[in-house]
N, C-alpha and C. Protein backbone atom coordinates (compact mmCIF):
# COMPACT_ATOMS: atom_id res chain seq x y z
N MET A 1 156.94 55.91 108.01
CA MET A 1 155.71 56.64 107.98
C MET A 1 155.69 57.91 108.75
N LYS A 2 156.40 57.89 109.89
CA LYS A 2 156.70 59.07 110.67
C LYS A 2 157.71 59.93 109.91
N LYS A 3 158.56 59.44 109.28
CA LYS A 3 159.43 60.27 108.41
C LYS A 3 158.78 61.08 107.30
N LEU A 4 157.86 60.27 106.70
CA LEU A 4 157.07 60.85 105.63
C LEU A 4 156.17 62.05 106.13
N SER A 5 155.60 61.85 107.18
CA SER A 5 154.62 62.98 107.69
C SER A 5 155.46 64.19 108.15
N LEU A 6 156.62 63.81 108.74
CA LEU A 6 157.45 64.99 109.20
C LEU A 6 158.00 65.78 107.94
N ILE A 7 158.47 65.05 106.93
CA ILE A 7 158.90 65.80 105.81
C ILE A 7 157.73 66.64 105.11
N LEU A 8 156.43 66.01 105.11
CA LEU A 8 155.45 66.70 104.52
C LEU A 8 155.07 67.94 105.39
N LEU A 9 155.06 67.83 106.62
CA LEU A 9 154.95 69.06 107.56
C LEU A 9 155.76 70.04 107.49
N PHE A 10 157.29 69.69 107.31
CA PHE A 10 158.08 70.88 107.08
C PHE A 10 158.06 71.50 105.82
N SER A 11 157.75 70.66 104.66
CA SER A 11 157.49 71.45 103.49
C SER A 11 156.33 72.30 103.32
N LEU A 12 155.30 71.94 103.97
CA LEU A 12 154.11 72.85 104.11
C LEU A 12 154.45 74.11 104.75
N GLY A 13 155.06 74.03 105.93
CA GLY A 13 155.67 75.18 106.73
C GLY A 13 156.46 76.03 105.98
N ALA A 14 157.32 75.49 105.16
CA ALA A 14 158.37 76.35 104.27
C ALA A 14 157.56 77.14 103.24
N LEU A 15 156.54 76.26 102.64
CA LEU A 15 155.83 77.05 101.56
C LEU A 15 154.90 78.16 102.02
N SER A 16 154.40 78.05 103.24
CA SER A 16 153.55 78.97 103.75
C SER A 16 154.54 80.16 104.18
N ALA A 17 155.71 79.90 104.65
CA ALA A 17 156.56 81.11 104.84
C ALA A 17 156.84 81.85 103.66
N PHE A 18 157.14 81.24 102.60
CA PHE A 18 157.42 81.88 101.28
C PHE A 18 156.11 82.67 100.74
N ALA A 19 155.01 82.19 101.01
CA ALA A 19 153.75 82.78 100.36
C ALA A 19 153.61 84.09 101.10
N GLN A 20 153.78 84.31 102.27
CA GLN A 20 153.47 85.45 102.97
C GLN A 20 154.62 86.34 103.12
N GLN A 21 154.57 87.34 102.22
CA GLN A 21 155.66 88.27 102.33
C GLN A 21 155.31 89.64 102.81
N ARG A 22 156.12 90.30 103.60
CA ARG A 22 155.87 91.47 104.30
C ARG A 22 156.28 92.68 103.28
N ILE A 23 155.34 93.51 103.14
CA ILE A 23 155.57 94.81 102.55
C ILE A 23 155.29 95.98 103.42
N THR A 24 156.08 97.02 103.20
CA THR A 24 156.02 98.28 103.98
C THR A 24 155.26 99.33 103.10
N LEU A 25 154.09 99.89 103.40
CA LEU A 25 153.41 100.93 102.60
C LEU A 25 153.46 102.13 103.34
N ASP A 26 153.64 103.37 102.74
CA ASP A 26 153.33 104.55 103.18
C ASP A 26 151.88 104.92 103.04
N LEU A 27 151.47 106.20 103.60
CA LEU A 27 150.17 106.49 103.64
C LEU A 27 149.42 106.61 102.20
N GLN A 28 150.24 107.27 101.20
CA GLN A 28 149.89 107.41 99.86
C GLN A 28 149.64 106.12 99.33
N GLN A 29 150.50 105.13 99.41
CA GLN A 29 150.29 103.73 98.79
C GLN A 29 149.20 103.09 99.44
N THR A 30 148.99 103.20 100.64
CA THR A 30 147.83 102.56 101.37
C THR A 30 146.47 103.09 100.91
N ILE A 31 146.32 104.42 100.70
CA ILE A 31 145.11 104.96 100.16
C ILE A 31 144.83 104.56 98.74
N ALA A 32 145.94 104.64 97.88
CA ALA A 32 145.85 104.02 96.63
C ALA A 32 145.35 102.54 96.34
N LEU A 33 145.97 101.78 97.27
CA LEU A 33 145.59 100.27 97.32
C LEU A 33 144.09 100.18 97.81
N ALA A 34 143.71 100.96 98.73
CA ALA A 34 142.34 100.84 99.36
C ALA A 34 141.39 101.26 98.19
N ASN A 35 141.69 102.47 97.39
CA ASN A 35 140.74 103.02 96.41
C ASN A 35 140.67 101.83 95.20
N ASP A 36 141.80 101.31 94.86
CA ASP A 36 141.67 100.34 93.76
C ASP A 36 141.04 99.00 94.17
N SER A 37 141.19 98.68 95.49
CA SER A 37 140.38 97.45 95.90
C SER A 37 139.16 97.52 96.47
N SER A 38 138.53 98.71 96.54
CA SER A 38 137.27 98.95 97.18
C SER A 38 136.04 98.46 96.22
N LEU A 39 134.92 98.30 96.86
CA LEU A 39 133.79 97.93 96.16
C LEU A 39 133.14 99.08 95.42
N GLU A 40 133.41 100.31 96.03
CA GLU A 40 132.95 101.53 95.33
C GLU A 40 133.83 101.96 94.00
N ALA A 41 135.04 101.52 94.19
CA ALA A 41 135.85 101.75 92.93
C ALA A 41 135.57 100.75 91.76
N PHE A 42 135.07 99.54 92.15
CA PHE A 42 134.66 98.51 91.25
C PHE A 42 133.37 99.00 90.61
N ARG A 43 132.55 99.39 91.38
CA ARG A 43 131.14 99.86 90.99
C ARG A 43 131.32 101.07 89.97
N THR A 44 132.14 102.03 90.40
CA THR A 44 132.30 103.32 89.49
C THR A 44 132.96 102.97 88.22
N LYS A 45 133.84 102.03 88.33
CA LYS A 45 134.66 101.61 87.08
C LYS A 45 133.48 101.00 86.03
N ASN A 46 132.63 100.13 86.57
CA ASN A 46 131.66 99.39 85.66
C ASN A 46 130.55 100.52 85.24
N MET A 47 130.24 101.40 86.10
CA MET A 47 129.32 102.42 85.64
C MET A 47 129.88 103.31 84.50
N TYR A 48 131.20 103.57 84.64
CA TYR A 48 131.88 104.29 83.50
C TYR A 48 131.93 103.54 82.26
N LEU A 49 132.23 102.32 82.30
CA LEU A 49 132.30 101.37 81.17
C LEU A 49 130.86 101.25 80.42
N ALA A 50 129.98 101.07 81.29
CA ALA A 50 128.48 101.07 80.71
C ALA A 50 127.95 102.22 80.16
N GLY A 51 128.35 103.31 80.66
CA GLY A 51 128.01 104.52 80.07
C GLY A 51 128.88 104.71 78.61
N TYR A 52 130.12 104.34 78.64
CA TYR A 52 130.85 104.56 77.69
C TYR A 52 130.29 103.67 76.37
N TRP A 53 129.95 102.41 76.64
CA TRP A 53 129.42 101.45 75.59
C TRP A 53 127.98 102.08 75.31
N GLU A 54 127.20 102.70 76.16
CA GLU A 54 125.97 103.18 75.65
C GLU A 54 126.03 104.28 74.82
N TYR A 55 127.16 105.22 74.97
CA TYR A 55 127.44 106.35 74.18
C TYR A 55 128.01 105.79 72.79
N ARG A 56 128.88 104.76 72.80
CA ARG A 56 129.26 104.10 71.49
C ARG A 56 127.97 103.60 70.66
N THR A 57 127.13 102.90 71.40
CA THR A 57 125.95 102.33 70.87
C THR A 57 125.06 103.54 70.14
N TYR A 58 124.95 104.61 70.91
CA TYR A 58 124.27 105.68 70.44
C TYR A 58 124.76 106.30 69.06
N LYS A 59 126.20 106.43 69.12
CA LYS A 59 126.79 106.96 67.83
C LYS A 59 126.78 105.98 66.79
N ALA A 60 127.04 104.69 67.03
CA ALA A 60 126.90 103.74 66.00
C ALA A 60 125.48 103.64 65.29
N ASN A 61 124.34 103.95 66.01
CA ASN A 61 123.09 103.93 65.50
C ASN A 61 122.86 105.05 64.56
N ARG A 62 123.54 106.11 64.74
CA ARG A 62 123.45 107.35 63.96
C ARG A 62 124.26 107.22 62.56
N LEU A 63 125.06 106.32 62.41
CA LEU A 63 125.86 106.15 61.28
C LEU A 63 124.96 105.39 60.17
N PRO A 64 125.27 105.72 58.88
CA PRO A 64 124.44 104.95 57.91
C PRO A 64 124.88 103.58 57.68
N SER A 65 123.95 102.80 57.31
CA SER A 65 124.27 101.36 57.11
C SER A 65 123.93 100.85 55.69
N LEU A 66 124.88 100.13 55.29
CA LEU A 66 124.79 99.47 53.86
C LEU A 66 124.66 98.04 53.90
N THR A 67 123.63 97.61 53.45
CA THR A 67 123.52 96.02 53.44
C THR A 67 123.46 95.49 52.05
N LEU A 68 124.18 94.45 51.72
CA LEU A 68 124.09 93.81 50.45
C LEU A 68 123.73 92.21 50.71
N ASN A 69 122.77 91.91 50.04
CA ASN A 69 122.33 90.39 50.04
C ASN A 69 122.26 89.88 48.56
N MET A 70 122.80 88.69 48.46
CA MET A 70 123.02 88.18 46.98
C MET A 70 122.86 86.73 47.02
N THR A 71 122.47 86.30 45.79
CA THR A 71 122.40 85.02 45.31
C THR A 71 123.05 85.09 43.90
N PRO A 72 124.29 85.08 43.81
CA PRO A 72 124.95 85.30 42.61
C PRO A 72 124.53 84.18 41.41
N ALA A 73 124.39 83.05 41.69
CA ALA A 73 123.88 81.99 40.80
C ALA A 73 123.20 80.97 41.36
N GLN A 74 121.93 80.55 40.82
CA GLN A 74 121.46 79.29 41.21
C GLN A 74 120.80 78.65 39.93
N TYR A 75 121.22 77.37 39.96
CA TYR A 75 120.82 76.63 38.86
C TYR A 75 120.15 75.42 39.18
N ASN A 76 118.92 75.24 38.53
CA ASN A 76 117.96 74.15 38.79
C ASN A 76 117.57 73.30 37.55
N ARG A 77 117.55 71.96 37.77
CA ARG A 77 117.16 71.01 36.82
C ARG A 77 116.10 70.28 37.26
N ASP A 78 114.94 70.35 36.73
CA ASP A 78 113.59 69.75 37.15
C ASP A 78 113.18 68.88 36.12
N ILE A 79 112.49 67.67 36.62
CA ILE A 79 111.59 66.94 35.60
C ILE A 79 110.20 67.30 35.95
N THR A 80 109.31 67.95 35.13
CA THR A 80 108.04 68.40 35.33
C THR A 80 107.09 67.44 34.60
N LYS A 81 105.95 67.44 35.21
CA LYS A 81 104.90 66.44 34.74
C LYS A 81 103.90 67.40 34.00
N ARG A 82 103.51 67.24 32.73
CA ARG A 82 102.60 68.20 32.01
C ARG A 82 101.56 67.05 31.40
N TYR A 83 100.30 67.52 31.45
CA TYR A 83 99.13 66.77 30.76
C TYR A 83 98.91 67.21 29.31
N ASP A 84 99.00 66.21 28.43
CA ASP A 84 98.86 66.42 26.92
C ASP A 84 97.36 66.10 26.70
N SER A 85 96.48 67.11 26.47
CA SER A 85 95.11 66.67 26.27
C SER A 85 94.82 66.10 24.91
N GLU A 86 95.67 66.23 24.01
CA GLU A 86 95.53 65.70 22.66
C GLU A 86 95.83 64.16 22.74
N GLN A 87 96.75 63.87 23.47
CA GLN A 87 97.14 62.43 23.50
C GLN A 87 96.48 61.72 24.79
N ASP A 88 95.85 62.48 25.60
CA ASP A 88 95.35 62.13 26.79
C ASP A 88 96.24 61.43 27.89
N LEU A 89 97.45 61.94 27.93
CA LEU A 89 98.48 61.29 28.92
C LEU A 89 99.30 62.44 29.54
N ASP A 90 99.96 62.00 30.58
CA ASP A 90 101.10 62.74 31.26
C ASP A 90 102.33 62.61 30.45
N ILE A 91 103.04 63.77 30.25
CA ILE A 91 104.32 63.90 29.59
C ILE A 91 105.30 64.39 30.62
N TYR A 92 106.47 63.84 30.77
CA TYR A 92 107.55 64.33 31.69
C TYR A 92 108.54 64.91 30.79
N ARG A 93 108.81 66.16 31.18
CA ARG A 93 109.71 67.06 30.43
C ARG A 93 110.93 67.57 31.48
N SER A 94 112.06 67.75 30.82
CA SER A 94 113.15 68.24 31.70
C SER A 94 113.12 69.84 31.64
N GLN A 95 113.32 70.58 32.66
CA GLN A 95 113.15 71.95 32.57
C GLN A 95 114.37 72.40 33.49
N GLN A 96 115.11 73.57 32.95
CA GLN A 96 116.26 73.94 33.50
C GLN A 96 116.06 75.49 33.65
N SER A 97 116.68 75.89 34.63
CA SER A 97 116.42 77.46 35.15
C SER A 97 117.69 78.04 35.81
N PHE A 98 117.93 79.31 35.54
CA PHE A 98 119.00 79.94 36.13
C PHE A 98 118.39 81.18 36.98
N TYR A 99 118.89 81.36 38.18
CA TYR A 99 118.31 82.44 38.86
C TYR A 99 119.47 83.15 39.61
N ALA A 100 119.36 84.54 39.54
CA ALA A 100 120.29 85.40 40.37
C ALA A 100 119.48 86.57 40.99
N TYR A 101 120.09 86.89 42.01
CA TYR A 101 119.27 87.94 43.02
C TYR A 101 120.34 88.85 43.65
N GLY A 102 119.94 90.05 43.78
CA GLY A 102 120.76 91.15 44.49
C GLY A 102 119.98 92.15 45.05
N ASN A 103 120.21 92.52 46.36
CA ASN A 103 119.53 93.53 47.13
C ASN A 103 120.51 94.41 47.67
N LEU A 104 120.35 95.74 47.53
CA LEU A 104 121.19 96.65 48.21
C LEU A 104 120.26 97.64 48.95
N ALA A 105 120.63 97.82 50.33
CA ALA A 105 119.87 98.70 51.17
C ALA A 105 120.88 99.59 52.01
N VAL A 106 120.33 100.92 51.89
CA VAL A 106 120.92 102.02 52.60
C VAL A 106 120.05 102.52 53.52
N ARG A 107 120.36 102.64 54.95
CA ARG A 107 119.49 103.23 55.90
C ARG A 107 120.30 104.23 56.75
N GLN A 108 119.51 105.17 57.08
CA GLN A 108 120.15 106.33 58.04
C GLN A 108 119.08 106.86 58.96
N ASN A 109 119.40 106.78 60.34
CA ASN A 109 118.53 107.35 61.24
C ASN A 109 118.63 108.93 61.17
N PHE A 110 117.51 109.45 61.41
CA PHE A 110 117.58 111.04 61.23
C PHE A 110 117.00 111.41 62.77
N ASP A 111 117.68 112.10 63.66
CA ASP A 111 117.26 112.54 64.92
C ASP A 111 116.21 113.59 64.98
N LEU A 112 116.23 114.42 63.95
CA LEU A 112 115.41 115.59 64.15
C LEU A 112 113.96 115.23 64.07
N THR A 113 113.59 114.39 63.15
CA THR A 113 112.43 113.73 63.03
C THR A 113 111.98 112.44 63.62
N GLY A 114 113.13 111.84 64.34
CA GLY A 114 112.85 110.44 64.93
C GLY A 114 112.62 109.53 63.88
N GLY A 115 112.87 109.53 62.73
CA GLY A 115 112.71 108.54 61.75
C GLY A 115 113.74 108.08 61.10
N THR A 116 113.62 107.21 60.03
CA THR A 116 114.80 106.58 59.32
C THR A 116 114.47 106.70 57.64
N PHE A 117 115.57 107.19 56.97
CA PHE A 117 115.49 107.48 55.74
C PHE A 117 116.13 106.27 55.08
N TYR A 118 115.51 105.52 54.20
CA TYR A 118 116.28 104.52 53.56
C TYR A 118 116.07 104.37 52.06
N LEU A 119 116.72 103.66 51.49
CA LEU A 119 116.68 103.26 50.06
C LEU A 119 116.92 101.92 49.91
N ASP A 120 116.00 101.28 49.21
CA ASP A 120 116.17 99.76 48.95
C ASP A 120 116.04 99.32 47.58
N THR A 121 116.83 98.70 47.02
CA THR A 121 116.80 98.26 45.68
C THR A 121 117.01 96.71 45.55
N GLU A 122 116.39 96.18 44.56
CA GLU A 122 116.40 94.85 44.42
C GLU A 122 116.55 94.51 42.94
N LEU A 123 117.29 93.41 42.57
CA LEU A 123 117.45 93.07 41.14
C LEU A 123 117.40 91.60 41.06
N ARG A 124 116.48 91.20 40.11
CA ARG A 124 116.34 89.66 40.01
C ARG A 124 116.44 89.33 38.46
N TRP A 125 116.81 88.16 38.27
CA TRP A 125 117.10 87.60 36.93
C TRP A 125 116.64 86.15 37.03
N LYS A 126 115.81 85.68 36.09
CA LYS A 126 115.42 84.34 36.09
C LYS A 126 115.16 83.87 34.46
N GLN A 127 116.08 82.89 34.27
CA GLN A 127 116.17 82.29 32.80
C GLN A 127 115.59 80.94 32.83
N VAL A 128 114.38 80.66 32.05
CA VAL A 128 113.92 79.17 32.02
C VAL A 128 114.39 78.58 30.77
N TYR A 129 114.85 77.40 30.78
CA TYR A 129 115.32 76.62 29.55
C TYR A 129 114.34 75.27 29.23
N PRO A 130 113.30 75.48 28.87
CA PRO A 130 112.59 74.17 28.49
C PRO A 130 113.42 73.53 27.14
N VAL A 131 112.98 72.55 26.73
CA VAL A 131 113.61 71.90 25.56
C VAL A 131 113.45 72.63 24.46
N HIS A 132 112.28 73.20 24.11
CA HIS A 132 112.08 73.88 22.91
C HIS A 132 111.82 75.52 23.02
N GLN A 133 112.04 76.04 24.21
CA GLN A 133 111.73 77.44 24.49
C GLN A 133 112.85 77.88 25.40
N CYS A 134 113.08 79.21 25.07
CA CYS A 134 114.24 79.94 26.02
C CYS A 134 113.47 81.25 26.27
N SER A 135 113.28 81.56 27.53
CA SER A 135 112.63 82.99 27.97
C SER A 135 113.44 83.48 29.12
N GLY A 136 113.47 84.68 29.22
CA GLY A 136 113.94 85.32 30.54
C GLY A 136 113.26 86.47 30.98
N SER A 137 113.34 86.83 32.27
CA SER A 137 112.65 87.90 32.82
C SER A 137 113.74 88.68 33.68
N PHE A 138 113.46 89.96 33.81
CA PHE A 138 114.38 90.87 34.50
C PHE A 138 113.43 91.65 35.38
N GLY A 139 113.62 91.83 36.80
CA GLY A 139 112.82 92.63 37.49
C GLY A 139 113.66 93.49 38.42
N LEU A 140 113.17 94.65 38.63
CA LEU A 140 113.85 95.75 39.52
C LEU A 140 112.85 96.18 40.52
N LEU A 141 113.18 96.23 41.81
CA LEU A 141 112.31 96.82 42.88
C LEU A 141 113.05 97.91 43.41
N ALA A 142 112.40 99.10 43.31
CA ALA A 142 112.98 100.34 43.78
C ALA A 142 112.26 100.59 45.18
N GLU A 143 112.59 102.00 45.67
CA GLU A 143 112.05 102.34 47.02
C GLU A 143 110.56 102.45 46.96
N SER A 144 109.94 102.63 45.88
CA SER A 144 108.40 102.76 45.86
C SER A 144 107.91 101.37 46.17
N GLY A 145 108.51 100.27 46.06
CA GLY A 145 107.75 98.99 46.43
C GLY A 145 107.19 98.33 45.31
N ARG A 146 107.29 99.00 44.14
CA ARG A 146 106.74 98.30 42.87
C ARG A 146 107.62 97.31 42.24
N LEU A 147 107.09 96.52 41.71
CA LEU A 147 107.85 95.39 40.92
C LEU A 147 107.52 95.77 39.48
N GLN A 148 108.53 96.13 38.73
CA GLN A 148 108.52 96.41 37.18
C GLN A 148 109.06 95.11 36.40
N SER A 149 108.38 94.42 35.74
CA SER A 149 108.94 93.31 34.94
C SER A 149 109.25 93.59 33.64
N PHE A 150 110.34 93.41 33.09
CA PHE A 150 110.81 93.61 31.69
C PHE A 150 111.01 92.27 31.08
N PRO A 151 110.06 91.70 30.22
CA PRO A 151 110.24 90.45 29.60
C PRO A 151 111.23 90.51 28.44
N LEU A 152 112.13 89.66 28.37
CA LEU A 152 113.13 89.78 27.24
C LEU A 152 112.65 89.21 25.88
N GLY A 153 111.66 88.41 26.06
CA GLY A 153 111.29 87.81 24.82
C GLY A 153 111.29 86.34 24.82
N THR A 154 110.79 85.68 23.88
CA THR A 154 110.69 84.19 23.78
C THR A 154 111.39 83.77 22.40
N GLN A 155 112.21 82.96 22.37
CA GLN A 155 112.98 82.34 21.30
C GLN A 155 112.35 80.85 21.01
N ASP A 156 111.82 80.67 19.83
CA ASP A 156 111.27 79.24 19.67
C ASP A 156 112.39 78.30 18.90
């Protein structure tokens, strides 16, 4: 036991001797080390980086943005319940539909007026396939915000 504690004490002393190395600094190196290690240098560096990222955010907000949202294809197959008044009973029918959607938006901040110019377009397509009828509709939403529908017709 004494041997083990003596070896442990000797090895810890040797490690501490290797961990502390002496270096010789001249005046310029001492000033540079103090400047790099000081709290004021750390604070100044962080203030510089905060200002840099604030400027980058300012510039990025002045760039135009282009956004595209899409649902390229959505297919639904439903069983719907309809009331038939002639037979006085509920009839279950299969109904299928296909849906597609796209939206494109362009926005630009304008500093002189403090506003934002934008263009927003939307395109929708819905096709319904009942057993005996096929109809489709097409809609386009422009920047005015109105929805104009263009029915494609009905086939019996």
